[in-house]
Amino acid sequence: MAIASFPHTSSYFPFFSPEAAQDTNLLHQLGFIPGLKELLIVRQVHALEHATIWLLSDGTTANPASQHEQREVSLGGMSTEQGFYIYGAVTSMKLRQAVHSALLRLITGDWDLAVHPRCGTNLSVGMVIATGLALGVPWVLPRNPLEQLLGIGLAATAAIHLAPELGSLAQRYLTTAIPFNLAIGNISTLGDRQGRPVHFVQVRWVEQPLSFAAQQQNLKAKIS
């Protein structure tokens, strides 16, 4: 069955927009590369994890312009190639509804949900920027200790301001991908880990996804 085109309604990808068949085509062309499929799966799972946490935390949308106004909820997640973990107080029923809603909204164009401001990617990007700027200070500023210290402080400040935007770009184009090839499996309750409930959302890779209309109908039926 041919992969149908999906509607693109988000402007959150300024350079190029996701395509429904992009990962499938990439695997057909470069599938001989070890670990490529696992990497592509984790990127899609990562986006679904973020979208699920957005919906569990706020229940509406992940508008970047108002992300600082989102209601804080003590939830965390971790993605693997088999699925993702959700850490925090949430019922299995609420989680299942959020997961299916998140997948539906992602594949129908609500791509902003794939990016989350508290993702570890932002922290990693910030550390790289801070390290790079700090290492560059001795080459740019005079050797005076006071000026060197001032330069390091400015480098840290610049990293703090640049990390959120650059981290978001890294999430959009490197560490997440719209989960066009994912289907949701079982959701398991794993008990408490350090006082926090843990759930695992299992996913499976779908080489040839259903048409958009069929996906939408199936997901809506699971949500209701």
N, C-alpha and C. Protein backbone atom coordinates (compact mmCIF):
# COMPACT_ATOMS: atom_id res chain seq x y z
N MET A 1 0.85 -1.19 0.00
CA MET A 1 0.00 0.00 0.00
C MET A 1 0.89 1.24 0.00
N ALA A 2 0.59 2.16 -0.85
CA ALA A 2 1.39 3.38 -0.93
C ALA A 2 1.17 4.24 0.30
N ILE A 3 2.20 5.00 0.65
CA ILE A 3 2.10 5.89 1.80
C ILE A 3 1.43 7.17 1.35
N ALA A 4 0.36 7.52 2.00
CA ALA A 4 -0.39 8.72 1.61
C ALA A 4 0.29 9.97 2.12
N SER A 5 -0.02 11.08 1.49
CA SER A 5 0.50 12.37 1.96
C SER A 5 -0.28 12.81 3.18
N PHE A 6 0.40 13.49 4.08
CA PHE A 6 -0.22 13.98 5.29
C PHE A 6 -0.27 15.50 5.23
N PRO A 7 -1.30 16.11 5.81
CA PRO A 7 -1.41 17.56 5.77
C PRO A 7 -0.35 18.23 6.61
N HIS A 8 0.19 19.34 6.13
CA HIS A 8 1.21 20.09 6.85
C HIS A 8 0.59 21.42 7.29
N THR A 9 0.40 21.58 8.60
CA THR A 9 -0.27 22.78 9.08
C THR A 9 0.58 23.58 10.04
N SER A 10 1.79 23.10 10.36
CA SER A 10 2.65 23.79 11.31
C SER A 10 3.73 24.55 10.58
N SER A 11 4.11 25.72 11.11
CA SER A 11 5.20 26.51 10.55
C SER A 11 6.43 26.43 11.44
N TYR A 12 6.50 25.42 12.29
CA TYR A 12 7.56 25.34 13.28
C TYR A 12 8.82 24.71 12.71
N PHE A 13 8.84 24.35 11.43
CA PHE A 13 10.01 23.82 10.77
C PHE A 13 10.39 24.78 9.64
N PRO A 14 11.19 25.83 9.94
CA PRO A 14 11.43 26.90 8.98
C PRO A 14 12.26 26.50 7.78
N PHE A 15 13.07 25.45 7.86
CA PHE A 15 13.99 25.12 6.77
C PHE A 15 13.40 24.08 5.81
N PHE A 16 12.87 23.01 6.34
CA PHE A 16 12.18 22.04 5.50
C PHE A 16 11.17 21.31 6.36
N SER A 17 10.09 20.88 5.74
CA SER A 17 8.98 20.27 6.47
C SER A 17 9.09 18.75 6.45
N PRO A 18 8.62 18.11 7.50
CA PRO A 18 8.62 16.64 7.53
C PRO A 18 7.72 16.07 6.43
N GLU A 19 8.13 14.93 5.90
CA GLU A 19 7.34 14.21 4.91
C GLU A 19 7.02 12.83 5.46
N ALA A 20 5.82 12.34 5.15
CA ALA A 20 5.36 11.08 5.72
C ALA A 20 6.26 9.91 5.37
N ALA A 21 6.84 9.92 4.17
CA ALA A 21 7.63 8.78 3.70
C ALA A 21 9.13 8.98 3.89
N GLN A 22 9.55 10.03 4.60
CA GLN A 22 10.98 10.35 4.63
C GLN A 22 11.82 9.25 5.27
N ASP A 23 11.40 8.72 6.40
CA ASP A 23 12.20 7.69 7.07
C ASP A 23 12.12 6.36 6.34
N THR A 24 10.96 6.05 5.77
CA THR A 24 10.82 4.81 5.00
C THR A 24 11.75 4.85 3.79
N ASN A 25 11.77 5.97 3.08
CA ASN A 25 12.64 6.11 1.91
C ASN A 25 14.11 6.05 2.31
N LEU A 26 14.43 6.67 3.45
CA LEU A 26 15.82 6.66 3.91
C LEU A 26 16.29 5.24 4.21
N LEU A 27 15.41 4.45 4.81
CA LEU A 27 15.77 3.06 5.10
C LEU A 27 15.95 2.24 3.82
N HIS A 28 15.11 2.52 2.82
CA HIS A 28 15.23 1.79 1.56
C HIS A 28 16.56 2.10 0.87
N GLN A 29 17.03 3.35 1.04
CA GLN A 29 18.25 3.76 0.36
C GLN A 29 19.51 3.43 1.17
N LEU A 30 19.42 3.57 2.49
CA LEU A 30 20.62 3.44 3.33
C LEU A 30 20.45 2.39 4.43
N GLY A 31 19.56 1.46 4.23
CA GLY A 31 19.28 0.47 5.26
C GLY A 31 20.45 -0.41 5.62
N PHE A 32 21.49 -0.41 4.79
CA PHE A 32 22.69 -1.22 5.07
C PHE A 32 23.53 -0.63 6.18
N ILE A 33 23.28 0.62 6.57
CA ILE A 33 24.07 1.26 7.62
C ILE A 33 23.66 0.69 8.97
N PRO A 34 24.58 0.13 9.74
CA PRO A 34 24.22 -0.45 11.04
C PRO A 34 23.63 0.58 11.99
N GLY A 35 22.53 0.22 12.63
CA GLY A 35 21.92 1.08 13.63
C GLY A 35 21.06 2.19 13.09
N LEU A 36 20.93 2.32 11.76
CA LEU A 36 20.14 3.42 11.21
C LEU A 36 18.67 3.31 11.59
N LYS A 37 18.10 2.12 11.44
CA LYS A 37 16.68 1.95 11.75
C LYS A 37 16.42 2.26 13.22
N GLU A 38 17.28 1.78 14.10
CA GLU A 38 17.10 2.04 15.53
C GLU A 38 17.15 3.53 15.82
N LEU A 39 18.05 4.25 15.15
CA LEU A 39 18.14 5.70 15.33
C LEU A 39 16.87 6.40 14.86
N LEU A 40 16.35 5.99 13.71
CA LEU A 40 15.13 6.60 13.19
C LEU A 40 13.94 6.32 14.12
N ILE A 41 13.88 5.11 14.67
CA ILE A 41 12.80 4.77 15.59
C ILE A 41 12.87 5.65 16.84
N VAL A 42 14.05 5.77 17.42
CA VAL A 42 14.20 6.56 18.64
C VAL A 42 13.81 8.01 18.40
N ARG A 43 14.15 8.57 17.25
CA ARG A 43 13.77 9.97 16.95
C ARG A 43 12.25 10.11 16.93
N GLN A 44 11.55 9.16 16.31
CA GLN A 44 10.10 9.23 16.26
C GLN A 44 9.49 9.01 17.65
N VAL A 45 10.05 8.07 18.39
CA VAL A 45 9.56 7.83 19.75
C VAL A 45 9.76 9.07 20.62
N HIS A 46 10.89 9.73 20.45
CA HIS A 46 11.21 10.93 21.22
C HIS A 46 10.15 12.01 20.99
N ALA A 47 9.74 12.20 19.76
CA ALA A 47 8.69 13.18 19.45
C ALA A 47 7.37 12.81 20.10
N LEU A 48 7.03 11.52 20.05
CA LEU A 48 5.78 11.07 20.66
C LEU A 48 5.82 11.23 22.17
N GLU A 49 6.97 10.96 22.76
CA GLU A 49 7.13 11.17 24.20
C GLU A 49 6.88 12.63 24.57
N HIS A 50 7.51 13.56 23.83
CA HIS A 50 7.32 14.98 24.11
C HIS A 50 5.85 15.39 23.98
N ALA A 51 5.22 14.95 22.89
CA ALA A 51 3.82 15.32 22.67
C ALA A 51 2.92 14.78 23.78
N THR A 52 3.19 13.57 24.22
CA THR A 52 2.40 12.98 25.30
C THR A 52 2.55 13.78 26.59
N ILE A 53 3.78 14.18 26.91
CA ILE A 53 3.99 14.97 28.13
C ILE A 53 3.33 16.33 28.02
N TRP A 54 3.36 16.95 26.82
CA TRP A 54 2.65 18.22 26.64
C TRP A 54 1.17 18.05 26.97
N LEU A 55 0.54 17.01 26.42
CA LEU A 55 -0.90 16.84 26.63
C LEU A 55 -1.22 16.47 28.06
N LEU A 56 -0.38 15.67 28.70
CA LEU A 56 -0.61 15.33 30.10
C LEU A 56 -0.41 16.53 31.01
N SER A 57 0.52 17.42 30.66
CA SER A 57 0.85 18.56 31.50
C SER A 57 -0.16 19.69 31.37
N ASP A 58 -0.65 19.89 30.14
CA ASP A 58 -1.50 21.05 29.91
C ASP A 58 -2.86 20.69 29.34
N GLY A 59 -2.88 19.68 28.47
CA GLY A 59 -4.15 19.25 27.89
C GLY A 59 -4.60 20.04 26.70
N THR A 60 -3.79 21.03 26.27
CA THR A 60 -4.22 21.83 25.13
C THR A 60 -3.20 21.73 24.01
N THR A 61 -2.24 22.65 23.94
CA THR A 61 -1.29 22.67 22.86
C THR A 61 0.05 23.16 23.34
N ALA A 62 1.05 22.97 22.53
CA ALA A 62 2.40 23.37 22.89
C ALA A 62 2.80 24.58 22.06
N ASN A 63 2.16 25.70 22.26
CA ASN A 63 2.47 26.91 21.52
C ASN A 63 3.78 27.49 22.03
N PRO A 64 4.82 27.55 21.18
CA PRO A 64 6.11 28.04 21.66
C PRO A 64 6.04 29.45 22.23
N ALA A 65 5.13 30.28 21.74
CA ALA A 65 5.04 31.66 22.20
C ALA A 65 4.57 31.74 23.64
N SER A 66 3.89 30.68 24.13
CA SER A 66 3.37 30.72 25.50
C SER A 66 3.86 29.55 26.33
N GLN A 67 4.99 28.93 25.93
CA GLN A 67 5.44 27.72 26.62
C GLN A 67 5.80 28.01 28.07
N HIS A 68 6.18 29.25 28.40
CA HIS A 68 6.53 29.56 29.77
C HIS A 68 5.30 29.69 30.66
N GLU A 69 4.12 29.73 30.03
CA GLU A 69 2.90 29.85 30.80
C GLU A 69 2.27 28.49 31.05
N GLN A 70 2.89 27.41 30.54
CA GLN A 70 2.33 26.08 30.73
C GLN A 70 2.31 25.72 32.21
N ARG A 71 1.28 25.04 32.62
CA ARG A 71 1.15 24.61 34.00
C ARG A 71 2.15 23.49 34.28
N GLU A 72 2.97 23.68 35.30
CA GLU A 72 4.01 22.72 35.60
C GLU A 72 3.42 21.45 36.23
N VAL A 73 3.79 20.34 35.70
CA VAL A 73 3.39 19.05 36.24
C VAL A 73 4.65 18.20 36.35
N SER A 74 4.79 17.47 37.45
CA SER A 74 5.99 16.69 37.68
C SER A 74 5.96 15.42 36.85
N LEU A 75 6.30 15.55 35.58
CA LEU A 75 6.36 14.42 34.67
C LEU A 75 7.70 14.41 33.96
N GLY A 76 8.20 13.23 33.68
CA GLY A 76 9.42 13.08 32.92
C GLY A 76 9.30 11.91 31.98
N GLY A 77 10.24 11.80 31.06
CA GLY A 77 10.18 10.71 30.11
C GLY A 77 11.56 10.29 29.63
N MET A 78 11.63 9.10 29.05
CA MET A 78 12.86 8.60 28.45
C MET A 78 12.49 7.69 27.29
N SER A 79 13.12 7.94 26.14
CA SER A 79 12.77 7.20 24.92
C SER A 79 13.77 6.09 24.64
N THR A 80 13.25 4.99 24.11
CA THR A 80 14.08 3.87 23.64
C THR A 80 13.52 3.44 22.29
N GLU A 81 14.17 2.47 21.65
CA GLU A 81 13.67 2.01 20.36
C GLU A 81 12.45 1.11 20.50
N GLN A 82 12.15 0.65 21.71
CA GLN A 82 10.95 -0.16 21.94
C GLN A 82 9.75 0.67 22.39
N GLY A 83 9.98 1.89 22.82
CA GLY A 83 8.92 2.74 23.34
C GLY A 83 9.49 3.78 24.28
N PHE A 84 8.65 4.30 25.15
CA PHE A 84 9.16 5.32 26.07
C PHE A 84 8.55 5.17 27.45
N TYR A 85 9.32 5.62 28.44
CA TYR A 85 8.89 5.61 29.84
C TYR A 85 8.29 6.98 30.18
N ILE A 86 7.27 6.96 31.02
CA ILE A 86 6.70 8.17 31.59
C ILE A 86 6.82 8.07 33.10
N TYR A 87 7.51 9.02 33.70
CA TYR A 87 7.71 9.06 35.15
C TYR A 87 6.82 10.14 35.74
N GLY A 88 5.98 9.77 36.70
CA GLY A 88 5.12 10.75 37.34
C GLY A 88 3.73 10.19 37.58
N ALA A 89 2.96 10.93 38.36
CA ALA A 89 1.64 10.49 38.77
C ALA A 89 0.63 10.70 37.64
N VAL A 90 0.30 9.62 36.95
CA VAL A 90 -0.71 9.65 35.90
C VAL A 90 -1.35 8.27 35.82
N THR A 91 -2.64 8.22 35.60
CA THR A 91 -3.32 6.94 35.49
C THR A 91 -3.08 6.32 34.12
N SER A 92 -3.18 5.00 34.05
CA SER A 92 -2.99 4.31 32.78
C SER A 92 -4.01 4.75 31.74
N MET A 93 -5.25 4.97 32.18
CA MET A 93 -6.30 5.38 31.25
C MET A 93 -6.01 6.76 30.67
N LYS A 94 -5.60 7.69 31.54
CA LYS A 94 -5.29 9.04 31.07
C LYS A 94 -4.08 9.03 30.16
N LEU A 95 -3.09 8.20 30.48
CA LEU A 95 -1.90 8.11 29.65
C LEU A 95 -2.23 7.54 28.29
N ARG A 96 -3.04 6.49 28.26
CA ARG A 96 -3.41 5.89 26.97
C ARG A 96 -4.13 6.91 26.09
N GLN A 97 -5.04 7.66 26.66
CA GLN A 97 -5.75 8.67 25.87
C GLN A 97 -4.79 9.74 25.37
N ALA A 98 -3.86 10.16 26.22
CA ALA A 98 -2.90 11.20 25.83
C ALA A 98 -1.98 10.71 24.72
N VAL A 99 -1.53 9.45 24.81
CA VAL A 99 -0.63 8.91 23.80
C VAL A 99 -1.29 8.87 22.43
N HIS A 100 -2.51 8.36 22.38
CA HIS A 100 -3.21 8.28 21.09
C HIS A 100 -3.54 9.68 20.56
N SER A 101 -3.93 10.60 21.44
CA SER A 101 -4.19 11.97 21.01
C SER A 101 -2.91 12.62 20.49
N ALA A 102 -1.79 12.36 21.18
CA ALA A 102 -0.52 12.95 20.76
C ALA A 102 -0.12 12.45 19.38
N LEU A 103 -0.26 11.16 19.13
CA LEU A 103 0.10 10.61 17.83
C LEU A 103 -0.80 11.19 16.74
N LEU A 104 -2.09 11.27 17.01
CA LEU A 104 -3.02 11.83 16.03
C LEU A 104 -2.66 13.27 15.69
N ARG A 105 -2.38 14.07 16.72
CA ARG A 105 -2.09 15.48 16.48
C ARG A 105 -0.76 15.67 15.77
N LEU A 106 0.22 14.84 16.07
CA LEU A 106 1.52 14.95 15.39
C LEU A 106 1.39 14.63 13.90
N ILE A 107 0.74 13.53 13.57
CA ILE A 107 0.69 13.15 12.16
C ILE A 107 -0.27 14.01 11.35
N THR A 108 -1.15 14.76 12.04
CA THR A 108 -2.05 15.66 11.33
C THR A 108 -1.52 17.09 11.27
N GLY A 109 -0.27 17.30 11.69
CA GLY A 109 0.35 18.60 11.46
C GLY A 109 0.64 19.44 12.67
N ASP A 110 0.30 19.00 13.88
CA ASP A 110 0.58 19.78 15.08
C ASP A 110 2.01 19.47 15.54
N TRP A 111 2.99 19.86 14.71
CA TRP A 111 4.37 19.45 14.90
C TRP A 111 5.04 20.15 16.07
N ASP A 112 4.49 21.25 16.54
CA ASP A 112 5.07 21.94 17.69
C ASP A 112 5.16 21.02 18.91
N LEU A 113 4.26 20.06 18.99
CA LEU A 113 4.23 19.16 20.13
C LEU A 113 5.48 18.28 20.23
N ALA A 114 6.24 18.17 19.14
CA ALA A 114 7.44 17.32 19.14
C ALA A 114 8.59 17.95 19.90
N VAL A 115 8.51 19.25 20.19
CA VAL A 115 9.61 19.97 20.83
C VAL A 115 9.20 20.37 22.23
N HIS A 116 10.07 20.09 23.21
CA HIS A 116 9.76 20.43 24.60
C HIS A 116 10.91 21.21 25.22
N PRO A 117 10.61 22.30 25.92
CA PRO A 117 11.67 23.15 26.46
C PRO A 117 12.49 22.50 27.57
N ARG A 118 11.96 21.44 28.21
CA ARG A 118 12.70 20.80 29.29
C ARG A 118 13.43 19.54 28.82
N CYS A 119 13.55 19.38 27.51
CA CYS A 119 14.25 18.21 26.98
C CYS A 119 15.75 18.32 27.29
N GLY A 120 16.38 17.17 27.52
CA GLY A 120 17.80 17.16 27.79
C GLY A 120 18.64 17.67 26.64
N THR A 121 18.07 17.69 25.43
CA THR A 121 18.79 18.23 24.28
C THR A 121 19.18 19.68 24.53
N ASN A 122 18.28 20.46 25.12
CA ASN A 122 18.57 21.87 25.39
C ASN A 122 19.75 22.01 26.33
N LEU A 123 19.80 21.15 27.37
CA LEU A 123 20.90 21.20 28.31
C LEU A 123 22.22 20.83 27.63
N SER A 124 22.19 19.80 26.79
CA SER A 124 23.40 19.39 26.09
C SER A 124 23.91 20.48 25.17
N VAL A 125 22.99 21.10 24.44
CA VAL A 125 23.38 22.18 23.54
C VAL A 125 23.97 23.35 24.32
N GLY A 126 23.35 23.68 25.45
CA GLY A 126 23.87 24.76 26.29
C GLY A 126 25.28 24.49 26.78
N MET A 127 25.54 23.23 27.17
CA MET A 127 26.87 22.87 27.64
C MET A 127 27.91 22.97 26.53
N VAL A 128 27.52 22.55 25.33
CA VAL A 128 28.44 22.63 24.19
C VAL A 128 28.76 24.08 23.86
N ILE A 129 27.72 24.93 23.86
CA ILE A 129 27.94 26.35 23.56
C ILE A 129 28.83 26.99 24.61
N ALA A 130 28.51 26.73 25.89
CA ALA A 130 29.30 27.33 26.97
C ALA A 130 30.75 26.89 26.91
N THR A 131 30.98 25.60 26.65
CA THR A 131 32.35 25.09 26.56
C THR A 131 33.10 25.72 25.39
N GLY A 132 32.42 25.78 24.24
CA GLY A 132 33.06 26.36 23.07
C GLY A 132 33.42 27.83 23.26
N LEU A 133 32.50 28.59 23.83
CA LEU A 133 32.77 30.00 24.06
C LEU A 133 33.86 30.19 25.12
N ALA A 134 33.80 29.38 26.17
CA ALA A 134 34.81 29.50 27.22
C ALA A 134 36.21 29.18 26.70
N LEU A 135 36.31 28.17 25.83
CA LEU A 135 37.61 27.82 25.26
C LEU A 135 38.12 28.89 24.31
N GLY A 136 37.17 29.64 23.72
CA GLY A 136 37.58 30.69 22.79
C GLY A 136 38.00 31.98 23.46
N VAL A 137 37.62 32.16 24.73
CA VAL A 137 37.94 33.40 25.43
C VAL A 137 39.43 33.69 25.47
N PRO A 138 40.30 32.74 25.82
CA PRO A 138 41.74 33.06 25.88
C PRO A 138 42.33 33.52 24.55
N TRP A 139 41.71 33.12 23.45
CA TRP A 139 42.24 33.48 22.14
C TRP A 139 41.78 34.86 21.68
N VAL A 140 40.69 35.34 22.29
CA VAL A 140 40.10 36.60 21.84
C VAL A 140 40.46 37.75 22.77
N LEU A 141 40.39 37.50 24.07
CA LEU A 141 40.62 38.57 25.04
C LEU A 141 42.07 38.59 25.52
N PRO A 142 42.52 39.72 26.03
CA PRO A 142 43.88 39.79 26.59
C PRO A 142 44.04 38.80 27.75
N ARG A 143 45.30 38.56 28.12
CA ARG A 143 45.62 37.57 29.14
C ARG A 143 45.34 38.07 30.56
N ASN A 144 44.92 39.30 30.70
CA ASN A 144 44.62 39.85 32.02
C ASN A 144 43.59 38.97 32.72
N PRO A 145 43.87 38.49 33.95
CA PRO A 145 42.94 37.58 34.64
C PRO A 145 41.54 38.16 34.79
N LEU A 146 41.43 39.46 35.09
CA LEU A 146 40.12 40.06 35.27
C LEU A 146 39.32 40.03 33.98
N GLU A 147 39.97 40.38 32.88
CA GLU A 147 39.27 40.36 31.59
C GLU A 147 38.92 38.94 31.17
N GLN A 148 39.79 37.97 31.48
CA GLN A 148 39.50 36.58 31.18
C GLN A 148 38.27 36.10 31.96
N LEU A 149 38.21 36.47 33.24
CA LEU A 149 37.07 36.08 34.07
C LEU A 149 35.79 36.72 33.56
N LEU A 150 35.88 37.98 33.16
CA LEU A 150 34.72 38.67 32.60
C LEU A 150 34.27 37.99 31.31
N GLY A 151 35.24 37.58 30.50
CA GLY A 151 34.90 36.91 29.24
C GLY A 151 34.20 35.59 29.46
N ILE A 152 34.67 34.84 30.46
CA ILE A 152 34.02 33.56 30.77
C ILE A 152 32.60 33.78 31.25
N GLY A 153 32.40 34.83 32.05
CA GLY A 153 31.05 35.15 32.50
C GLY A 153 30.13 35.52 31.36
N LEU A 154 30.65 36.30 30.41
CA LEU A 154 29.86 36.65 29.23
C LEU A 154 29.55 35.43 28.38
N ALA A 155 30.52 34.51 28.31
CA ALA A 155 30.29 33.28 27.54
C ALA A 155 29.17 32.45 28.16
N ALA A 156 29.18 32.36 29.48
CA ALA A 156 28.12 31.60 30.16
C ALA A 156 26.76 32.25 29.95
N THR A 157 26.72 33.59 30.02
CA THR A 157 25.46 34.31 29.81
C THR A 157 24.95 34.11 28.39
N ALA A 158 25.86 34.18 27.42
CA ALA A 158 25.46 33.97 26.03
C ALA A 158 24.92 32.56 25.83
N ALA A 159 25.56 31.58 26.46
CA ALA A 159 25.10 30.20 26.33
C ALA A 159 23.69 30.03 26.88
N ILE A 160 23.42 30.68 28.01
CA ILE A 160 22.09 30.58 28.62
C ILE A 160 21.02 31.13 27.68
N HIS A 161 21.34 32.23 26.99
CA HIS A 161 20.36 32.85 26.10
C HIS A 161 20.22 32.12 24.77
N LEU A 162 21.30 31.51 24.30
CA LEU A 162 21.27 30.84 23.01
C LEU A 162 20.74 29.41 23.09
N ALA A 163 20.93 28.76 24.23
CA ALA A 163 20.60 27.34 24.36
C ALA A 163 19.14 27.00 24.04
N PRO A 164 18.15 27.76 24.54
CA PRO A 164 16.76 27.37 24.25
C PRO A 164 16.44 27.34 22.77
N GLU A 165 16.85 28.37 22.03
CA GLU A 165 16.52 28.42 20.61
C GLU A 165 17.31 27.38 19.82
N LEU A 166 18.60 27.28 20.08
CA LEU A 166 19.41 26.30 19.37
C LEU A 166 19.03 24.88 19.78
N GLY A 167 18.65 24.71 21.06
CA GLY A 167 18.18 23.40 21.50
C GLY A 167 16.89 22.99 20.80
N SER A 168 16.00 23.96 20.59
CA SER A 168 14.77 23.67 19.86
C SER A 168 15.06 23.26 18.42
N LEU A 169 16.01 23.96 17.78
CA LEU A 169 16.39 23.59 16.41
C LEU A 169 16.98 22.18 16.39
N ALA A 170 17.80 21.86 17.37
CA ALA A 170 18.39 20.52 17.43
C ALA A 170 17.31 19.46 17.60
N GLN A 171 16.31 19.75 18.43
CA GLN A 171 15.21 18.79 18.60
C GLN A 171 14.45 18.61 17.29
N ARG A 172 14.13 19.72 16.62
CA ARG A 172 13.31 19.65 15.41
C ARG A 172 13.97 18.85 14.30
N TYR A 173 15.29 19.02 14.15
CA TYR A 173 15.95 18.45 12.98
C TYR A 173 16.88 17.28 13.28
N LEU A 174 17.22 17.06 14.56
CA LEU A 174 18.18 16.01 14.88
C LEU A 174 17.63 14.94 15.81
N THR A 175 17.06 15.33 16.94
CA THR A 175 16.74 14.34 17.97
C THR A 175 15.28 13.89 17.97
N THR A 176 14.42 14.51 17.18
CA THR A 176 13.03 14.05 17.06
C THR A 176 12.64 13.98 15.59
N ALA A 177 11.60 13.22 15.32
CA ALA A 177 11.01 13.15 13.98
C ALA A 177 9.54 12.82 14.15
N ILE A 178 8.71 13.35 13.27
CA ILE A 178 7.28 13.10 13.36
C ILE A 178 7.02 11.60 13.20
N PRO A 179 6.27 10.98 14.12
CA PRO A 179 6.14 9.52 14.16
C PRO A 179 5.16 8.95 13.13
N PHE A 180 5.44 9.18 11.85
CA PHE A 180 4.58 8.64 10.80
C PHE A 180 4.62 7.12 10.76
N ASN A 181 5.71 6.51 11.24
CA ASN A 181 5.87 5.06 11.13
C ASN A 181 5.59 4.30 12.43
N LEU A 182 5.05 4.97 13.43
CA LEU A 182 4.84 4.31 14.71
C LEU A 182 3.39 3.91 14.91
N ALA A 183 3.22 2.76 15.53
CA ALA A 183 1.91 2.30 16.01
C ALA A 183 2.06 2.02 17.51
N ILE A 184 1.04 2.34 18.27
CA ILE A 184 1.09 2.22 19.73
C ILE A 184 0.69 0.81 20.14
N GLY A 185 1.49 0.24 21.03
CA GLY A 185 1.21 -1.10 21.54
C GLY A 185 0.70 -1.06 22.96
N ASN A 186 1.19 -1.94 23.80
CA ASN A 186 0.74 -2.03 25.18
C ASN A 186 1.30 -0.89 26.03
N ILE A 187 0.55 -0.53 27.06
CA ILE A 187 1.01 0.44 28.05
C ILE A 187 1.06 -0.28 29.39
N SER A 188 2.26 -0.39 29.95
CA SER A 188 2.47 -1.17 31.16
C SER A 188 2.74 -0.26 32.35
N THR A 189 2.26 -0.68 33.51
CA THR A 189 2.57 -0.01 34.77
C THR A 189 3.70 -0.77 35.44
N LEU A 190 4.82 -0.08 35.69
CA LEU A 190 6.01 -0.74 36.22
C LEU A 190 6.21 -0.53 37.71
N GLY A 191 5.30 0.20 38.35
CA GLY A 191 5.45 0.45 39.77
C GLY A 191 6.23 1.72 40.03
N ASP A 192 6.58 1.92 41.28
CA ASP A 192 7.27 3.15 41.68
C ASP A 192 8.78 2.99 41.56
N ARG A 193 9.43 4.04 41.10
CA ARG A 193 10.88 4.12 41.08
C ARG A 193 11.27 5.39 41.82
N GLN A 194 11.85 5.24 42.97
CA GLN A 194 12.25 6.37 43.80
C GLN A 194 11.05 7.27 44.13
N GLY A 195 9.94 6.61 44.42
CA GLY A 195 8.75 7.35 44.83
C GLY A 195 7.90 7.88 43.70
N ARG A 196 8.25 7.59 42.45
CA ARG A 196 7.46 8.07 41.31
C ARG A 196 6.89 6.89 40.53
N PRO A 197 5.59 6.93 40.20
CA PRO A 197 5.03 5.89 39.35
C PRO A 197 5.69 5.90 37.98
N VAL A 198 5.80 4.73 37.37
CA VAL A 198 6.44 4.60 36.06
C VAL A 198 5.53 3.80 35.13
N HIS A 199 5.34 4.31 33.91
CA HIS A 199 4.63 3.58 32.87
C HIS A 199 5.56 3.42 31.67
N PHE A 200 5.35 2.34 30.93
CA PHE A 200 6.08 2.15 29.68
C PHE A 200 5.10 2.02 28.53
N VAL A 201 5.28 2.87 27.51
CA VAL A 201 4.42 2.86 26.32
C VAL A 201 5.17 2.14 25.21
N GLN A 202 4.70 0.98 24.84
CA GLN A 202 5.35 0.19 23.80
C GLN A 202 4.90 0.67 22.42
N VAL A 203 5.82 0.70 21.47
CA VAL A 203 5.49 1.07 20.10
C VAL A 203 6.07 0.02 19.16
N ARG A 204 5.58 0.03 17.95
CA ARG A 204 6.15 -0.84 16.91
C ARG A 204 6.29 -0.03 15.62
N TRP A 205 7.26 -0.42 14.84
CA TRP A 205 7.55 0.25 13.57
C TRP A 205 6.63 -0.29 12.48
N VAL A 206 6.02 0.60 11.73
CA VAL A 206 5.14 0.22 10.62
C VAL A 206 5.83 0.64 9.33
N GLU A 207 6.29 -0.33 8.57
CA GLU A 207 7.04 -0.03 7.35
C GLU A 207 6.20 0.72 6.33
N GLN A 208 4.96 0.30 6.16
CA GLN A 208 4.04 0.95 5.23
C GLN A 208 2.82 1.41 6.00
N PRO A 209 2.82 2.64 6.49
CA PRO A 209 1.68 3.12 7.29
C PRO A 209 0.38 3.10 6.50
N LEU A 210 -0.72 3.05 7.23
CA LEU A 210 -2.03 3.17 6.61
C LEU A 210 -2.18 4.54 5.98
N SER A 211 -3.17 4.69 5.14
CA SER A 211 -3.46 6.01 4.60
C SER A 211 -3.79 6.96 5.74
N PHE A 212 -3.67 8.24 5.47
CA PHE A 212 -3.94 9.23 6.51
C PHE A 212 -5.36 9.09 7.05
N ALA A 213 -6.33 8.90 6.18
CA ALA A 213 -7.72 8.80 6.62
C ALA A 213 -7.91 7.59 7.54
N ALA A 214 -7.27 6.47 7.19
CA ALA A 214 -7.39 5.27 8.01
C ALA A 214 -6.72 5.46 9.36
N GLN A 215 -5.52 6.09 9.37
CA GLN A 215 -4.84 6.38 10.62
C GLN A 215 -5.71 7.26 11.51
N GLN A 216 -6.26 8.30 10.92
CA GLN A 216 -7.07 9.24 11.69
C GLN A 216 -8.29 8.54 12.28
N GLN A 217 -8.95 7.70 11.49
CA GLN A 217 -10.14 6.99 11.95
C GLN A 217 -9.79 6.03 13.08
N ASN A 218 -8.68 5.29 12.94
CA ASN A 218 -8.28 4.33 13.97
C ASN A 218 -7.93 5.02 15.28
N LEU A 219 -7.17 6.11 15.19
CA LEU A 219 -6.75 6.81 16.39
C LEU A 219 -7.93 7.47 17.11
N LYS A 220 -8.83 8.05 16.36
CA LYS A 220 -10.02 8.66 16.95
C LYS A 220 -10.85 7.62 17.67
N ALA A 221 -10.94 6.43 17.10
CA ALA A 221 -11.72 5.36 17.74
C ALA A 221 -11.09 4.95 19.05
N LYS A 222 -9.74 4.94 19.12
CA LYS A 222 -9.05 4.55 20.35
C LYS A 222 -9.15 5.63 21.42
N ILE A 223 -9.22 6.90 21.00
CA ILE A 223 -9.31 8.00 21.94
C ILE A 223 -10.68 8.07 22.59
N SER A 224 -11.72 7.81 21.79
CA SER A 224 -13.10 7.94 22.29
C SER A 224 -13.44 6.83 23.26
